[in-house]
Amino acid sequence: AEDERDDLRESVFGPADTDTHADPYGSVPINLPK
């Protein structure tokens, strides 16, 4: 379940190692491709 959650998080919210974030102060920032 944790693996599935991490995969879903990356597909929905974008890669964690990005330098580009949309709505960074929102409750769930969206990571755009680096």
ModelCIF file with pLDDT and N, C-alpha, C, O atoms, coordinates in Angstrom:
data_MODEL
#
_entry.id   MODEL 
#
_entity.id                         1 
_entity.type                       polymer 
_entity.pdbx_number_of_molecules   1 
#
_entity_poly.entity_id                      1 
_entity_poly.type                           'polypeptide(L)' 
_entity_poly.nstd_linkage                   no 
_entity_poly.nstd_monomer                   no 
_entity_poly.pdbx_seq_one_letter_code       AEDERDDLRESVFGPADTDTHADPYGSVPINLPK 
_entity_poly.pdbx_seq_one_letter_code_can   AEDERDDLRESVFGPADTDTHADPYGSVPINLPK 
_entity_poly.pdbx_strand_id                 A 
#
loop_
_entity_poly_seq.entity_id 
_entity_poly_seq.num 
_entity_poly_seq.mon_id 
_entity_poly_seq.hetero 
1 1  ALA n 
1 2  GLU n 
1 3  ASP n 
1 4  GLU n 
1 5  ARG n 
1 6  ASP n 
1 7  ASP n 
1 8  LEU n 
1 9  ARG n 
1 10 GLU n 
1 11 SER n 
1 12 VAL n 
1 13 PHE n 
1 14 GLY n 
1 15 PRO n 
1 16 ALA n 
1 17 ASP n 
1 18 THR n 
1 19 ASP n 
1 20 THR n 
1 21 HIS n 
1 22 ALA n 
1 23 ASP n 
1 24 PRO n 
1 25 TYR n 
1 26 GLY n 
1 27 SER n 
1 28 VAL n 
1 29 PRO n 
1 30 ILE n 
1 31 ASN n 
1 32 LEU n 
1 33 PRO n 
1 34 LYS n 
#
_struct_asym.id          A 
_struct_asym.entity_id   1 
#
loop_
_ma_qa_metric.id 
_ma_qa_metric.mode 
_ma_qa_metric.name 
_ma_qa_metric.software_group_id 
_ma_qa_metric.type 
1 global pLDDT . pLDDT 
2 local  pLDDT . pLDDT 
#
_ma_qa_metric_global.metric_id      1 
_ma_qa_metric_global.metric_value   79.88 
_ma_qa_metric_global.model_id       1 
_ma_qa_metric_global.ordinal_id     1 
#
loop_
_ma_qa_metric_local.label_asym_id 
_ma_qa_metric_local.label_comp_id 
_ma_qa_metric_local.label_seq_id 
_ma_qa_metric_local.metric_id 
_ma_qa_metric_local.metric_value 
_ma_qa_metric_local.model_id 
_ma_qa_metric_local.ordinal_id 
A ALA 1  2 95.00 1 1  
A GLU 2  2 90.00 1 2  
A ASP 3  2 89.00 1 3  
A GLU 4  2 89.00 1 4  
A ARG 5  2 83.00 1 5  
A ASP 6  2 78.00 1 6  
A ASP 7  2 80.00 1 7  
A LEU 8  2 80.00 1 8  
A ARG 9  2 74.00 1 9  
A GLU 10 2 72.00 1 10 
A SER 11 2 73.00 1 11 
A VAL 12 2 72.00 1 12 
A PHE 13 2 73.00 1 13 
A GLY 14 2 73.00 1 14 
A PRO 15 2 75.00 1 15 
A ALA 16 2 74.00 1 16 
A ASP 17 2 80.00 1 17 
A THR 18 2 83.00 1 18 
A ASP 19 2 84.00 1 19 
A THR 20 2 86.00 1 20 
A HIS 21 2 81.00 1 21 
A ALA 22 2 81.00 1 22 
A ASP 23 2 79.00 1 23 
A PRO 24 2 78.00 1 24 
A TYR 25 2 82.00 1 25 
A GLY 26 2 77.00 1 26 
A SER 27 2 73.00 1 27 
A VAL 28 2 72.00 1 28 
A PRO 29 2 73.00 1 29 
A ILE 30 2 80.00 1 30 
A ASN 31 2 83.00 1 31 
A LEU 32 2 84.00 1 32 
A PRO 33 2 85.00 1 33 
A LYS 34 2 85.00 1 34 
#
loop_
_atom_site.group_PDB 
_atom_site.id 
_atom_site.type_symbol 
_atom_site.label_atom_id 
_atom_site.label_alt_id 
_atom_site.label_comp_id 
_atom_site.label_asym_id 
_atom_site.label_entity_id 
_atom_site.label_seq_id 
_atom_site.pdbx_PDB_ins_code 
_atom_site.Cartn_x 
_atom_site.Cartn_y 
_atom_site.Cartn_z 
_atom_site.occupancy 
_atom_site.B_iso_or_equiv 
_atom_site.pdbx_formal_charge 
_atom_site.auth_seq_id 
_atom_site.auth_comp_id 
_atom_site.auth_asym_id 
_atom_site.auth_atom_id 
_atom_site.pdbx_PDB_model_num 
ATOM 1   N N  . ALA A 1 1  ? 0.829  -1.210 0.000   1.00 95.00 ? 1  ALA A N  1 
ATOM 2   C CA . ALA A 1 1  ? 0.000  0.000  0.000   1.00 95.00 ? 1  ALA A CA 1 
ATOM 3   C C  . ALA A 1 1  ? 0.862  1.259  0.000   1.00 95.00 ? 1  ALA A C  1 
ATOM 4   O O  . ALA A 1 1  ? 0.526  2.239  -0.665  1.00 95.00 ? 1  ALA A O  1 
ATOM 5   N N  . GLU A 1 2  ? 1.979  1.241  0.746   1.00 90.00 ? 2  GLU A N  1 
ATOM 6   C CA . GLU A 1 2  ? 2.874  2.395  0.752   1.00 90.00 ? 2  GLU A CA 1 
ATOM 7   C C  . GLU A 1 2  ? 3.528  2.595  -0.616  1.00 90.00 ? 2  GLU A C  1 
ATOM 8   O O  . GLU A 1 2  ? 3.691  3.730  -1.064  1.00 90.00 ? 2  GLU A O  1 
ATOM 9   N N  . ASP A 1 3  ? 3.901  1.504  -1.275  1.00 89.00 ? 3  ASP A N  1 
ATOM 10  C CA . ASP A 1 3  ? 4.466  1.607  -2.628  1.00 89.00 ? 3  ASP A CA 1 
ATOM 11  C C  . ASP A 1 3  ? 3.439  2.189  -3.590  1.00 89.00 ? 3  ASP A C  1 
ATOM 12  O O  . ASP A 1 3  ? 3.764  3.067  -4.390  1.00 89.00 ? 3  ASP A O  1 
ATOM 13  N N  . GLU A 1 4  ? 2.193  1.701  -3.516  1.00 89.00 ? 4  GLU A N  1 
ATOM 14  C CA . GLU A 1 4  ? 1.127  2.216  -4.385  1.00 89.00 ? 4  GLU A CA 1 
ATOM 15  C C  . GLU A 1 4  ? 0.873  3.687  -4.101  1.00 89.00 ? 4  GLU A C  1 
ATOM 16  O O  . GLU A 1 4  ? 0.674  4.473  -5.027  1.00 89.00 ? 4  GLU A O  1 
ATOM 17  N N  . ARG A 1 5  ? 0.878  4.066  -2.827  1.00 83.00 ? 5  ARG A N  1 
ATOM 18  C CA . ARG A 1 5  ? 0.674  5.470  -2.461  1.00 83.00 ? 5  ARG A CA 1 
ATOM 19  C C  . ARG A 1 5  ? 1.771  6.348  -3.053  1.00 83.00 ? 5  ARG A C  1 
ATOM 20  O O  . ARG A 1 5  ? 1.487  7.409  -3.609  1.00 83.00 ? 5  ARG A O  1 
ATOM 21  N N  . ASP A 1 6  ? 3.029  5.905  -2.934  1.00 78.00 ? 6  ASP A N  1 
ATOM 22  C CA . ASP A 1 6  ? 4.143  6.687  -3.469  1.00 78.00 ? 6  ASP A CA 1 
ATOM 23  C C  . ASP A 1 6  ? 4.060  6.816  -4.986  1.00 78.00 ? 6  ASP A C  1 
ATOM 24  O O  . ASP A 1 6  ? 4.333  7.883  -5.536  1.00 78.00 ? 6  ASP A O  1 
ATOM 25  N N  . ASP A 1 7  ? 3.681  5.726  -5.666  1.00 80.00 ? 7  ASP A N  1 
ATOM 26  C CA . ASP A 1 7  ? 3.519  5.783  -7.122  1.00 80.00 ? 7  ASP A CA 1 
ATOM 27  C C  . ASP A 1 7  ? 2.396  6.740  -7.503  1.00 80.00 ? 7  ASP A C  1 
ATOM 28  O O  . ASP A 1 7  ? 2.543  7.534  -8.432  1.00 80.00 ? 7  ASP A O  1 
ATOM 29  N N  . LEU A 1 8  ? 1.282  6.668  -6.790  1.00 80.00 ? 8  LEU A N  1 
ATOM 30  C CA . LEU A 1 8  ? 0.150  7.551  -7.069  1.00 80.00 ? 8  LEU A CA 1 
ATOM 31  C C  . LEU A 1 8  ? 0.521  9.002  -6.791  1.00 80.00 ? 8  LEU A C  1 
ATOM 32  O O  . LEU A 1 8  ? 0.186  9.893  -7.572  1.00 80.00 ? 8  LEU A O  1 
ATOM 33  N N  . ARG A 1 9  ? 1.209  9.238  -5.681  1.00 74.00 ? 9  ARG A N  1 
ATOM 34  C CA . ARG A 1 9  ? 1.616  10.603 -5.337  1.00 74.00 ? 9  ARG A CA 1 
ATOM 35  C C  . ARG A 1 9  ? 2.473  11.193 -6.446  1.00 74.00 ? 9  ARG A C  1 
ATOM 36  O O  . ARG A 1 9  ? 2.287  12.349 -6.826  1.00 74.00 ? 9  ARG A O  1 
ATOM 37  N N  . GLU A 1 10 ? 3.411  10.408 -6.968  1.00 72.00 ? 10 GLU A N  1 
ATOM 38  C CA . GLU A 1 10 ? 4.279  10.920 -8.030  1.00 72.00 ? 10 GLU A CA 1 
ATOM 39  C C  . GLU A 1 10 ? 3.505  11.154 -9.318  1.00 72.00 ? 10 GLU A C  1 
ATOM 40  O O  . GLU A 1 10 ? 3.760  12.130 -10.024 1.00 72.00 ? 10 GLU A O  1 
ATOM 41  N N  . SER A 1 11 ? 2.553  10.262 -9.636  1.00 73.00 ? 11 SER A N  1 
ATOM 42  C CA . SER A 1 11 ? 1.807  10.437 -10.884 1.00 73.00 ? 11 SER A CA 1 
ATOM 43  C C  . SER A 1 11 ? 0.818  11.591 -10.792 1.00 73.00 ? 11 SER A C  1 
ATOM 44  O O  . SER A 1 11 ? 0.552  12.249 -11.798 1.00 73.00 ? 11 SER A O  1 
ATOM 45  N N  . VAL A 1 12 ? 0.266  11.852 -9.604  1.00 72.00 ? 12 VAL A N  1 
ATOM 46  C CA . VAL A 1 12 ? -0.715 12.924 -9.448  1.00 72.00 ? 12 VAL A CA 1 
ATOM 47  C C  . VAL A 1 12 ? -0.038 14.254 -9.116  1.00 72.00 ? 12 VAL A C  1 
ATOM 48  O O  . VAL A 1 12 ? -0.355 15.282 -9.714  1.00 72.00 ? 12 VAL A O  1 
ATOM 49  N N  . PHE A 1 13 ? 0.882  14.231 -8.174  1.00 73.00 ? 13 PHE A N  1 
ATOM 50  C CA . PHE A 1 13 ? 1.486  15.465 -7.685  1.00 73.00 ? 13 PHE A CA 1 
ATOM 51  C C  . PHE A 1 13 ? 2.849  15.752 -8.301  1.00 73.00 ? 13 PHE A C  1 
ATOM 52  O O  . PHE A 1 13 ? 3.444  16.791 -8.014  1.00 73.00 ? 13 PHE A O  1 
ATOM 53  N N  . GLY A 1 14 ? 3.353  14.855 -9.139  1.00 73.00 ? 14 GLY A N  1 
ATOM 54  C CA . GLY A 1 14 ? 4.622  15.069 -9.815  1.00 73.00 ? 14 GLY A CA 1 
ATOM 55  C C  . GLY A 1 14 ? 5.801  14.528 -9.039  1.00 73.00 ? 14 GLY A C  1 
ATOM 56  O O  . GLY A 1 14 ? 5.655  14.083 -7.900  1.00 73.00 ? 14 GLY A O  1 
ATOM 57  N N  . PRO A 1 15 ? 6.972  14.565 -9.656  1.00 75.00 ? 15 PRO A N  1 
ATOM 58  C CA . PRO A 1 15 ? 8.162  13.994 -9.037  1.00 75.00 ? 15 PRO A CA 1 
ATOM 59  C C  . PRO A 1 15 ? 8.608  14.789 -7.812  1.00 75.00 ? 15 PRO A C  1 
ATOM 60  O O  . PRO A 1 15 ? 8.553  16.018 -7.807  1.00 75.00 ? 15 PRO A O  1 
ATOM 61  N N  . ALA A 1 16 ? 9.046  14.082 -6.783  1.00 74.00 ? 16 ALA A N  1 
ATOM 62  C CA . ALA A 1 16 ? 9.454  14.732 -5.534  1.00 74.00 ? 16 ALA A CA 1 
ATOM 63  C C  . ALA A 1 16 ? 10.752 15.528 -5.678  1.00 74.00 ? 16 ALA A C  1 
ATOM 64  O O  . ALA A 1 16 ? 10.983 16.463 -4.910  1.00 74.00 ? 16 ALA A O  1 
ATOM 65  N N  . ASP A 1 17 ? 11.600 15.180 -6.641  1.00 80.00 ? 17 ASP A N  1 
ATOM 66  C CA . ASP A 1 17 ? 12.898 15.841 -6.783  1.00 80.00 ? 17 ASP A CA 1 
ATOM 67  C C  . ASP A 1 17 ? 12.868 17.033 -7.742  1.00 80.00 ? 17 ASP A C  1 
ATOM 68  O O  . ASP A 1 17 ? 13.906 17.419 -8.280  1.00 80.00 ? 17 ASP A O  1 
ATOM 69  N N  . THR A 1 18 ? 11.705 17.611 -7.955  1.00 83.00 ? 18 THR A N  1 
ATOM 70  C CA . THR A 1 18 ? 11.559 18.704 -8.910  1.00 83.00 ? 18 THR A CA 1 
ATOM 71  C C  . THR A 1 18 ? 12.011 20.041 -8.332  1.00 83.00 ? 18 THR A C  1 
ATOM 72  O O  . THR A 1 18 ? 12.166 20.188 -7.120  1.00 83.00 ? 18 THR A O  1 
ATOM 73  N N  . ASP A 1 19 ? 12.218 21.010 -9.217  1.00 84.00 ? 19 ASP A N  1 
ATOM 74  C CA . ASP A 1 19 ? 12.521 22.377 -8.800  1.00 84.00 ? 19 ASP A CA 1 
ATOM 75  C C  . ASP A 1 19 ? 11.365 23.317 -9.149  1.00 84.00 ? 19 ASP A C  1 
ATOM 76  O O  . ASP A 1 19 ? 11.495 24.534 -9.015  1.00 84.00 ? 19 ASP A O  1 
ATOM 77  N N  . THR A 1 20 ? 10.253 22.767 -9.590  1.00 86.00 ? 20 THR A N  1 
ATOM 78  C CA . THR A 1 20 ? 9.115  23.564 -10.048 1.00 86.00 ? 20 THR A CA 1 
ATOM 79  C C  . THR A 1 20 ? 7.844  23.085 -9.357  1.00 86.00 ? 20 THR A C  1 
ATOM 80  O O  . THR A 1 20 ? 7.430  21.938 -9.527  1.00 86.00 ? 20 THR A O  1 
ATOM 81  N N  . HIS A 1 21 ? 7.227  23.972 -8.575  1.00 81.00 ? 21 HIS A N  1 
ATOM 82  C CA . HIS A 1 21 ? 6.026  23.630 -7.818  1.00 81.00 ? 21 HIS A CA 1 
ATOM 83  C C  . HIS A 1 21 ? 4.909  24.610 -8.164  1.00 81.00 ? 21 HIS A C  1 
ATOM 84  O O  . HIS A 1 21 ? 5.143  25.817 -8.235  1.00 81.00 ? 21 HIS A O  1 
ATOM 85  N N  . ALA A 1 22 ? 3.712  24.109 -8.378  1.00 81.00 ? 22 ALA A N  1 
ATOM 86  C CA . ALA A 1 22 ? 2.542  24.959 -8.564  1.00 81.00 ? 22 ALA A CA 1 
ATOM 87  C C  . ALA A 1 22 ? 1.808  25.018 -7.233  1.00 81.00 ? 22 ALA A C  1 
ATOM 88  O O  . ALA A 1 22 ? 1.677  24.003 -6.550  1.00 81.00 ? 22 ALA A O  1 
ATOM 89  N N  . ASP A 1 23 ? 1.340  26.173 -6.869  1.00 79.00 ? 23 ASP A N  1 
ATOM 90  C CA . ASP A 1 23 ? 0.624  26.387 -5.616  1.00 79.00 ? 23 ASP A CA 1 
ATOM 91  C C  . ASP A 1 23 ? 1.436  25.890 -4.417  1.00 79.00 ? 23 ASP A C  1 
ATOM 92  O O  . ASP A 1 23 ? 0.953  25.060 -3.646  1.00 79.00 ? 23 ASP A O  1 
ATOM 93  N N  . PRO A 1 24 ? 2.684  26.398 -4.251  1.00 78.00 ? 24 PRO A N  1 
ATOM 94  C CA . PRO A 1 24 ? 3.554  25.883 -3.196  1.00 78.00 ? 24 PRO A CA 1 
ATOM 95  C C  . PRO A 1 24 ? 3.043  26.112 -1.783  1.00 78.00 ? 24 PRO A C  1 
ATOM 96  O O  . PRO A 1 24 ? 3.459  25.418 -0.856  1.00 78.00 ? 24 PRO A O  1 
ATOM 97  N N  . TYR A 1 25 ? 2.149  27.074 -1.605  1.00 82.00 ? 25 TYR A N  1 
ATOM 98  C CA . TYR A 1 25 ? 1.624  27.346 -0.267  1.00 82.00 ? 25 TYR A CA 1 
ATOM 99  C C  . TYR A 1 25 ? 0.269  26.688 -0.039  1.00 82.00 ? 25 TYR A C  1 
ATOM 100 O O  . TYR A 1 25 ? -0.332 26.851 1.023   1.00 82.00 ? 25 TYR A O  1 
ATOM 101 N N  . GLY A 1 26 ? -0.208 25.953 -1.023  1.00 77.00 ? 26 GLY A N  1 
ATOM 102 C CA . GLY A 1 26 ? -1.478 25.258 -0.882  1.00 77.00 ? 26 GLY A CA 1 
ATOM 103 C C  . GLY A 1 26 ? -1.348 24.042 0.017   1.00 77.00 ? 26 GLY A C  1 
ATOM 104 O O  . GLY A 1 26 ? -0.244 23.657 0.400   1.00 77.00 ? 26 GLY A O  1 
ATOM 105 N N  . SER A 1 27 ? -2.471 23.447 0.349   1.00 73.00 ? 27 SER A N  1 
ATOM 106 C CA . SER A 1 27 ? -2.442 22.283 1.240   1.00 73.00 ? 27 SER A CA 1 
ATOM 107 C C  . SER A 1 27 ? -1.764 21.095 0.570   1.00 73.00 ? 27 SER A C  1 
ATOM 108 O O  . SER A 1 27 ? -1.174 20.255 1.250   1.00 73.00 ? 27 SER A O  1 
ATOM 109 N N  . VAL A 1 28 ? -1.842 21.018 -0.761  1.00 72.00 ? 28 VAL A N  1 
ATOM 110 C CA . VAL A 1 28 ? -1.180 19.940 -1.499  1.00 72.00 ? 28 VAL A CA 1 
ATOM 111 C C  . VAL A 1 28 ? -0.468 20.553 -2.698  1.00 72.00 ? 28 VAL A C  1 
ATOM 112 O O  . VAL A 1 28 ? -1.052 20.647 -3.778  1.00 72.00 ? 28 VAL A O  1 
ATOM 113 N N  . PRO A 1 29 ? 0.794  20.974 -2.525  1.00 73.00 ? 29 PRO A N  1 
ATOM 114 C CA . PRO A 1 29 ? 1.526  21.544 -3.665  1.00 73.00 ? 29 PRO A CA 1 
ATOM 115 C C  . PRO A 1 29 ? 1.650  20.519 -4.797  1.00 73.00 ? 29 PRO A C  1 
ATOM 116 O O  . PRO A 1 29 ? 1.763  19.318 -4.552  1.00 73.00 ? 29 PRO A O  1 
ATOM 117 N N  . ILE A 1 30 ? 1.628  21.004 -6.013  1.00 80.00 ? 30 ILE A N  1 
ATOM 118 C CA . ILE A 1 30 ? 1.736  20.134 -7.183  1.00 80.00 ? 30 ILE A CA 1 
ATOM 119 C C  . ILE A 1 30 ? 3.142  20.283 -7.758  1.00 80.00 ? 30 ILE A C  1 
ATOM 120 O O  . ILE A 1 30 ? 3.559  21.381 -8.127  1.00 80.00 ? 30 ILE A O  1 
ATOM 121 N N  . ASN A 1 31 ? 3.860  19.179 -7.830  1.00 83.00 ? 31 ASN A N  1 
ATOM 122 C CA . ASN A 1 31 ? 5.212  19.189 -8.370  1.00 83.00 ? 31 ASN A CA 1 
ATOM 123 C C  . ASN A 1 31 ? 5.154  19.008 -9.879  1.00 83.00 ? 31 ASN A C  1 
ATOM 124 O O  . ASN A 1 31 ? 4.590  18.032 -10.374 1.00 83.00 ? 31 ASN A O  1 
ATOM 125 N N  . LEU A 1 32 ? 5.733  19.943 -10.601 1.00 84.00 ? 32 LEU A N  1 
ATOM 126 C CA . LEU A 1 32 ? 5.802  19.858 -12.055 1.00 84.00 ? 32 LEU A CA 1 
ATOM 127 C C  . LEU A 1 32 ? 7.141  19.239 -12.436 1.00 84.00 ? 32 LEU A C  1 
ATOM 128 O O  . LEU A 1 32 ? 8.048  19.196 -11.604 1.00 84.00 ? 32 LEU A O  1 
ATOM 129 N N  . PRO A 1 33 ? 7.291  18.763 -13.657 1.00 85.00 ? 33 PRO A N  1 
ATOM 130 C CA . PRO A 1 33 ? 8.583  18.182 -14.057 1.00 85.00 ? 33 PRO A CA 1 
ATOM 131 C C  . PRO A 1 33 ? 9.724  19.179 -13.845 1.00 85.00 ? 33 PRO A C  1 
ATOM 132 O O  . PRO A 1 33 ? 9.543  20.386 -14.006 1.00 85.00 ? 33 PRO A O  1 
ATOM 133 N N  . LYS A 1 34 ? 10.888 18.667 -13.487 1.00 85.00 ? 34 LYS A N  1 
ATOM 134 C CA . LYS A 1 34 ? 12.050 19.516 -13.237 1.00 85.00 ? 34 LYS A CA 1 
ATOM 135 C C  . LYS A 1 34 ? 12.329 20.366 -14.479 1.00 85.00 ? 34 LYS A C  1 
ATOM 136 O O  . LYS A 1 34 ? 13.271 21.158 -14.486 1.00 85.00 ? 34 LYS A O  1 
#
